[in-house]
Amino acid sequence: IEFFKGQDASFVVSVCRLLKPCFAAPLDFVFREGEVAQEMFFVQSGTVAVMSDIDGEEVVLDEHRSGSYFGEIALLLEDRPRECSVCALTFCSMFSFSKSSLNELLALYPQVQKTMQK
């Protein structure tokens, strides 16, 4: 993730310690368009589809696989609704990282907050 690059190693280790495992079966929604965004996700295994309602029809805009991430805007913007839905296409193992976890870390690493605001 761009705003984690070049950060202090202890900050990155702290992020890793706060990741929470989560799982999805095929056709499970990770989140839906319009929900208030509270966390981002890292895909460990499996495939998810990024979808949006266009003229009343769910259209697949993108897919994310192992090693990718999505929902990072949730960490940067306050109480912003999701602009799309994400649905598992296969069994997925993921990690979530919440906005509240990031805020806890930024209190401990104020220099990181300065670089993220740039």
N, C-alpha and C. Protein backbone atom coordinates (compact mmCIF):
# COMPACT_ATOMS: atom_id res chain seq x y z
N ILE A 1 0.86 -1.17 0.00
CA ILE A 1 0.00 0.00 0.00
C ILE A 1 0.90 1.22 0.00
N GLU A 2 0.57 2.14 -0.83
CA GLU A 2 1.43 3.31 -1.04
C GLU A 2 1.76 4.04 0.26
N PHE A 3 0.75 4.29 1.12
CA PHE A 3 1.05 5.08 2.31
C PHE A 3 1.74 4.28 3.41
N PHE A 4 1.95 2.97 3.24
CA PHE A 4 2.75 2.20 4.18
C PHE A 4 4.20 2.09 3.70
N LYS A 5 4.45 2.37 2.43
CA LYS A 5 5.80 2.26 1.89
C LYS A 5 6.71 3.29 2.54
N GLY A 6 7.91 2.83 2.88
CA GLY A 6 8.90 3.73 3.44
C GLY A 6 8.67 4.10 4.89
N GLN A 7 7.67 3.50 5.51
CA GLN A 7 7.39 3.81 6.92
C GLN A 7 8.35 3.03 7.82
N ASP A 8 8.47 3.49 9.04
CA ASP A 8 9.29 2.84 10.05
C ASP A 8 8.88 1.36 10.17
N ALA A 9 9.87 0.48 10.25
CA ALA A 9 9.61 -0.96 10.32
C ALA A 9 8.74 -1.32 11.52
N SER A 10 8.91 -0.64 12.64
CA SER A 10 8.09 -0.97 13.82
C SER A 10 6.63 -0.60 13.59
N PHE A 11 6.38 0.44 12.80
CA PHE A 11 5.00 0.79 12.45
C PHE A 11 4.38 -0.32 11.60
N VAL A 12 5.10 -0.79 10.60
CA VAL A 12 4.58 -1.85 9.72
C VAL A 12 4.34 -3.13 10.51
N VAL A 13 5.24 -3.47 11.43
CA VAL A 13 5.04 -4.66 12.28
C VAL A 13 3.78 -4.48 13.13
N SER A 14 3.57 -3.28 13.63
CA SER A 14 2.38 -3.00 14.44
C SER A 14 1.10 -3.15 13.62
N VAL A 15 1.15 -2.71 12.36
CA VAL A 15 0.01 -2.91 11.47
C VAL A 15 -0.29 -4.40 11.33
N CYS A 16 0.75 -5.19 11.08
CA CYS A 16 0.57 -6.63 10.89
C CYS A 16 -0.04 -7.29 12.12
N ARG A 17 0.32 -6.83 13.29
CA ARG A 17 -0.21 -7.41 14.53
C ARG A 17 -1.70 -7.11 14.72
N LEU A 18 -2.17 -6.03 14.09
CA LEU A 18 -3.56 -5.63 14.24
C LEU A 18 -4.47 -6.15 13.14
N LEU A 19 -3.91 -6.88 12.18
CA LEU A 19 -4.74 -7.46 11.13
C LEU A 19 -5.62 -8.55 11.72
N LYS A 20 -6.87 -8.60 11.26
CA LYS A 20 -7.81 -9.60 11.75
C LYS A 20 -8.17 -10.55 10.60
N PRO A 21 -8.04 -11.87 10.83
CA PRO A 21 -8.40 -12.81 9.77
C PRO A 21 -9.91 -12.79 9.52
N CYS A 22 -10.28 -12.95 8.27
CA CYS A 22 -11.69 -13.08 7.91
C CYS A 22 -11.80 -13.97 6.68
N PHE A 23 -12.95 -14.55 6.51
CA PHE A 23 -13.15 -15.54 5.46
C PHE A 23 -14.46 -15.27 4.74
N ALA A 24 -14.52 -15.67 3.47
CA ALA A 24 -15.75 -15.54 2.70
C ALA A 24 -15.90 -16.75 1.79
N ALA A 25 -17.11 -17.21 1.66
CA ALA A 25 -17.44 -18.30 0.74
C ALA A 25 -17.93 -17.70 -0.57
N PRO A 26 -17.93 -18.47 -1.65
CA PRO A 26 -18.42 -17.93 -2.91
C PRO A 26 -19.80 -17.30 -2.76
N LEU A 27 -19.95 -16.12 -3.34
CA LEU A 27 -21.16 -15.31 -3.35
C LEU A 27 -21.43 -14.55 -2.05
N ASP A 28 -20.56 -14.70 -1.03
CA ASP A 28 -20.67 -13.87 0.17
C ASP A 28 -20.21 -12.45 -0.17
N PHE A 29 -20.93 -11.47 0.32
CA PHE A 29 -20.50 -10.08 0.15
C PHE A 29 -19.56 -9.71 1.30
N VAL A 30 -18.41 -9.16 0.96
CA VAL A 30 -17.48 -8.65 1.96
C VAL A 30 -18.03 -7.32 2.49
N PHE A 31 -18.51 -6.49 1.57
CA PHE A 31 -19.27 -5.28 1.91
C PHE A 31 -20.12 -4.90 0.71
N ARG A 32 -21.10 -4.04 0.98
CA ARG A 32 -22.02 -3.62 -0.08
C ARG A 32 -21.93 -2.12 -0.33
N GLU A 33 -22.18 -1.77 -1.55
CA GLU A 33 -22.22 -0.37 -1.96
C GLU A 33 -23.17 0.40 -1.05
N GLY A 34 -22.71 1.56 -0.57
CA GLY A 34 -23.53 2.41 0.28
C GLY A 34 -23.27 2.25 1.77
N GLU A 35 -22.68 1.11 2.18
CA GLU A 35 -22.34 0.93 3.60
C GLU A 35 -21.23 1.90 3.99
N VAL A 36 -21.22 2.32 5.24
CA VAL A 36 -20.15 3.19 5.72
C VAL A 36 -18.88 2.36 5.84
N ALA A 37 -17.82 2.88 5.26
CA ALA A 37 -16.55 2.17 5.22
C ALA A 37 -15.82 2.28 6.55
N GLN A 38 -15.44 1.13 7.12
CA GLN A 38 -14.74 1.12 8.40
C GLN A 38 -13.41 0.36 8.35
N GLU A 39 -13.17 -0.41 7.28
CA GLU A 39 -11.93 -1.18 7.21
C GLU A 39 -11.55 -1.46 5.76
N MET A 40 -10.30 -1.86 5.61
CA MET A 40 -9.80 -2.30 4.32
C MET A 40 -9.46 -3.79 4.43
N PHE A 41 -9.19 -4.42 3.29
CA PHE A 41 -8.97 -5.86 3.27
C PHE A 41 -7.75 -6.22 2.42
N PHE A 42 -7.04 -7.27 2.87
CA PHE A 42 -5.93 -7.85 2.14
C PHE A 42 -6.33 -9.27 1.77
N VAL A 43 -6.21 -9.63 0.51
CA VAL A 43 -6.58 -10.97 0.06
C VAL A 43 -5.37 -11.90 0.21
N GLN A 44 -5.51 -12.90 1.06
CA GLN A 44 -4.45 -13.89 1.23
C GLN A 44 -4.60 -14.99 0.18
N SER A 45 -5.85 -15.46 -0.03
CA SER A 45 -6.11 -16.45 -1.06
C SER A 45 -7.54 -16.29 -1.54
N GLY A 46 -7.77 -16.69 -2.77
CA GLY A 46 -9.10 -16.59 -3.36
C GLY A 46 -9.22 -15.39 -4.29
N THR A 47 -10.45 -15.19 -4.76
CA THR A 47 -10.74 -14.10 -5.71
C THR A 47 -12.04 -13.42 -5.32
N VAL A 48 -12.02 -12.09 -5.32
CA VAL A 48 -13.23 -11.31 -5.07
C VAL A 48 -13.51 -10.44 -6.29
N ALA A 49 -14.78 -10.10 -6.47
CA ALA A 49 -15.19 -9.21 -7.56
C ALA A 49 -15.62 -7.88 -6.98
N VAL A 50 -15.17 -6.79 -7.62
CA VAL A 50 -15.60 -5.45 -7.28
C VAL A 50 -16.76 -5.13 -8.21
N MET A 51 -17.91 -4.81 -7.62
CA MET A 51 -19.13 -4.64 -8.41
C MET A 51 -19.79 -3.32 -8.09
N SER A 52 -20.56 -2.81 -9.06
CA SER A 52 -21.31 -1.59 -8.84
C SER A 52 -22.67 -1.71 -9.50
N ASP A 53 -23.64 -1.07 -8.90
CA ASP A 53 -24.99 -1.06 -9.46
C ASP A 53 -25.05 0.02 -10.52
N ILE A 54 -25.20 -0.41 -11.76
CA ILE A 54 -25.32 0.52 -12.88
C ILE A 54 -26.66 0.27 -13.55
N ASP A 55 -27.53 1.26 -13.46
CA ASP A 55 -28.88 1.16 -14.04
C ASP A 55 -29.62 -0.09 -13.54
N GLY A 56 -29.47 -0.38 -12.24
CA GLY A 56 -30.20 -1.48 -11.63
C GLY A 56 -29.58 -2.85 -11.84
N GLU A 57 -28.41 -2.91 -12.44
CA GLU A 57 -27.74 -4.19 -12.68
C GLU A 57 -26.36 -4.19 -12.05
N GLU A 58 -26.00 -5.27 -11.35
CA GLU A 58 -24.67 -5.40 -10.76
C GLU A 58 -23.66 -5.70 -11.86
N VAL A 59 -22.71 -4.81 -12.05
CA VAL A 59 -21.68 -4.95 -13.08
C VAL A 59 -20.33 -5.17 -12.41
N VAL A 60 -19.58 -6.18 -12.85
CA VAL A 60 -18.25 -6.44 -12.31
C VAL A 60 -17.27 -5.45 -12.93
N LEU A 61 -16.61 -4.68 -12.07
CA LEU A 61 -15.66 -3.66 -12.51
C LEU A 61 -14.21 -4.15 -12.48
N ASP A 62 -13.93 -5.07 -11.54
CA ASP A 62 -12.55 -5.52 -11.34
C ASP A 62 -12.58 -6.79 -10.51
N GLU A 63 -11.46 -7.48 -10.46
CA GLU A 63 -11.29 -8.64 -9.59
C GLU A 63 -9.97 -8.48 -8.83
N HIS A 64 -9.96 -8.96 -7.58
CA HIS A 64 -8.74 -8.94 -6.77
C HIS A 64 -8.44 -10.37 -6.34
N ARG A 65 -7.16 -10.72 -6.44
CA ARG A 65 -6.70 -12.06 -6.09
C ARG A 65 -5.65 -12.00 -4.98
N SER A 66 -5.13 -13.16 -4.66
CA SER A 66 -4.10 -13.29 -3.63
C SER A 66 -3.01 -12.23 -3.79
N GLY A 67 -2.71 -11.56 -2.68
CA GLY A 67 -1.67 -10.54 -2.67
C GLY A 67 -2.17 -9.13 -2.91
N SER A 68 -3.44 -8.99 -3.25
CA SER A 68 -3.96 -7.64 -3.51
C SER A 68 -4.74 -7.14 -2.29
N TYR A 69 -5.17 -5.91 -2.37
CA TYR A 69 -5.92 -5.29 -1.29
C TYR A 69 -7.00 -4.40 -1.89
N PHE A 70 -7.99 -4.07 -1.07
CA PHE A 70 -9.07 -3.20 -1.52
C PHE A 70 -9.71 -2.52 -0.31
N GLY A 71 -10.40 -1.42 -0.57
CA GLY A 71 -11.10 -0.70 0.49
C GLY A 71 -10.24 0.26 1.27
N GLU A 72 -9.04 0.57 0.76
CA GLU A 72 -8.10 1.42 1.51
C GLU A 72 -8.60 2.85 1.71
N ILE A 73 -9.51 3.30 0.88
CA ILE A 73 -10.06 4.65 1.04
C ILE A 73 -10.76 4.78 2.40
N ALA A 74 -11.25 3.65 2.92
CA ALA A 74 -11.92 3.65 4.23
C ALA A 74 -11.01 4.16 5.33
N LEU A 75 -9.72 3.97 5.19
CA LEU A 75 -8.79 4.40 6.23
C LEU A 75 -8.51 5.89 6.17
N LEU A 76 -8.78 6.49 5.03
CA LEU A 76 -8.39 7.88 4.83
C LEU A 76 -9.53 8.88 5.00
N LEU A 77 -10.73 8.47 4.70
CA LEU A 77 -11.87 9.40 4.70
C LEU A 77 -12.87 9.04 5.78
N GLU A 78 -13.41 10.04 6.43
CA GLU A 78 -14.36 9.83 7.53
C GLU A 78 -15.77 9.53 7.03
N ASP A 79 -16.35 8.48 7.56
CA ASP A 79 -17.75 8.12 7.35
C ASP A 79 -18.19 8.21 5.89
N ARG A 80 -17.35 7.73 5.03
CA ARG A 80 -17.67 7.75 3.59
C ARG A 80 -18.34 6.44 3.20
N PRO A 81 -19.46 6.52 2.47
CA PRO A 81 -20.12 5.28 2.03
C PRO A 81 -19.29 4.58 0.96
N ARG A 82 -19.37 3.27 0.94
CA ARG A 82 -18.67 2.48 -0.07
C ARG A 82 -19.24 2.83 -1.45
N GLU A 83 -18.35 2.96 -2.42
CA GLU A 83 -18.76 3.30 -3.77
C GLU A 83 -19.03 2.07 -4.62
N CYS A 84 -18.75 0.90 -4.08
CA CYS A 84 -18.99 -0.35 -4.80
C CYS A 84 -19.20 -1.47 -3.79
N SER A 85 -19.58 -2.62 -4.30
CA SER A 85 -19.72 -3.83 -3.49
C SER A 85 -18.55 -4.76 -3.82
N VAL A 86 -18.20 -5.62 -2.87
CA VAL A 86 -17.18 -6.64 -3.12
C VAL A 86 -17.77 -7.97 -2.70
N CYS A 87 -17.72 -8.92 -3.64
CA CYS A 87 -18.32 -10.24 -3.45
C CYS A 87 -17.26 -11.31 -3.72
N ALA A 88 -17.22 -12.35 -2.88
CA ALA A 88 -16.28 -13.45 -3.09
C ALA A 88 -16.73 -14.28 -4.30
N LEU A 89 -15.78 -14.59 -5.17
CA LEU A 89 -16.06 -15.48 -6.30
C LEU A 89 -15.66 -16.91 -5.96
N THR A 90 -14.68 -17.04 -5.05
CA THR A 90 -14.20 -18.34 -4.59
C THR A 90 -14.12 -18.28 -3.06
N PHE A 91 -13.74 -19.37 -2.44
CA PHE A 91 -13.46 -19.31 -1.01
C PHE A 91 -12.27 -18.39 -0.83
N CYS A 92 -12.39 -17.45 0.10
CA CYS A 92 -11.35 -16.44 0.31
C CYS A 92 -10.90 -16.40 1.75
N SER A 93 -9.61 -16.25 1.90
CA SER A 93 -9.01 -15.99 3.20
C SER A 93 -8.42 -14.59 3.10
N MET A 94 -8.83 -13.71 4.02
CA MET A 94 -8.42 -12.31 3.96
C MET A 94 -8.03 -11.83 5.36
N PHE A 95 -7.47 -10.65 5.38
CA PHE A 95 -7.22 -9.94 6.63
C PHE A 95 -7.85 -8.57 6.51
N SER A 96 -8.45 -8.12 7.60
CA SER A 96 -9.01 -6.76 7.60
C SER A 96 -8.16 -5.88 8.52
N PHE A 97 -8.15 -4.61 8.19
CA PHE A 97 -7.45 -3.61 9.00
C PHE A 97 -8.40 -2.43 9.14
N SER A 98 -8.76 -2.12 10.37
CA SER A 98 -9.81 -1.13 10.62
C SER A 98 -9.27 0.29 10.76
N LYS A 99 -10.15 1.22 10.52
CA LYS A 99 -9.84 2.63 10.70
C LYS A 99 -9.49 2.90 12.16
N SER A 100 -10.18 2.26 13.11
CA SER A 100 -9.88 2.48 14.53
C SER A 100 -8.48 1.96 14.88
N SER A 101 -8.06 0.85 14.27
CA SER A 101 -6.70 0.34 14.50
C SER A 101 -5.66 1.32 13.96
N LEU A 102 -5.93 1.86 12.78
CA LEU A 102 -5.00 2.84 12.22
C LEU A 102 -4.91 4.06 13.13
N ASN A 103 -6.04 4.54 13.62
CA ASN A 103 -6.03 5.72 14.50
C ASN A 103 -5.24 5.46 15.77
N GLU A 104 -5.35 4.26 16.33
CA GLU A 104 -4.56 3.90 17.51
C GLU A 104 -3.06 4.00 17.20
N LEU A 105 -2.68 3.46 16.05
CA LEU A 105 -1.27 3.47 15.68
C LEU A 105 -0.76 4.88 15.39
N LEU A 106 -1.59 5.70 14.77
CA LEU A 106 -1.16 7.06 14.46
C LEU A 106 -0.91 7.88 15.72
N ALA A 107 -1.63 7.54 16.79
CA ALA A 107 -1.38 8.22 18.06
C ALA A 107 0.02 7.86 18.60
N LEU A 108 0.46 6.64 18.30
CA LEU A 108 1.79 6.19 18.73
C LEU A 108 2.90 6.59 17.77
N TYR A 109 2.53 6.82 16.51
CA TYR A 109 3.51 7.16 15.47
C TYR A 109 3.06 8.44 14.76
N PRO A 110 3.16 9.59 15.43
CA PRO A 110 2.68 10.84 14.82
C PRO A 110 3.42 11.21 13.53
N GLN A 111 4.66 10.77 13.38
CA GLN A 111 5.40 11.08 12.16
C GLN A 111 4.77 10.38 10.95
N VAL A 112 4.16 9.22 11.16
CA VAL A 112 3.49 8.51 10.08
C VAL A 112 2.28 9.30 9.62
N GLN A 113 1.55 9.85 10.57
CA GLN A 113 0.37 10.64 10.22
C GLN A 113 0.76 11.83 9.34
N LYS A 114 1.88 12.44 9.65
CA LYS A 114 2.34 13.58 8.83
C LYS A 114 2.62 13.15 7.39
N THR A 115 3.25 12.00 7.22
CA THR A 115 3.55 11.54 5.86
C THR A 115 2.28 11.10 5.12
N MET A 116 1.31 10.57 5.84
CA MET A 116 0.07 10.13 5.20
C MET A 116 -0.77 11.32 4.75
N GLN A 117 -0.63 12.44 5.41
CA GLN A 117 -1.44 13.63 5.08
C GLN A 117 -0.91 14.31 3.82
N LYS A 118 0.27 13.95 3.39
CA LYS A 118 0.86 14.61 2.21
C LYS A 118 0.21 14.19 0.93
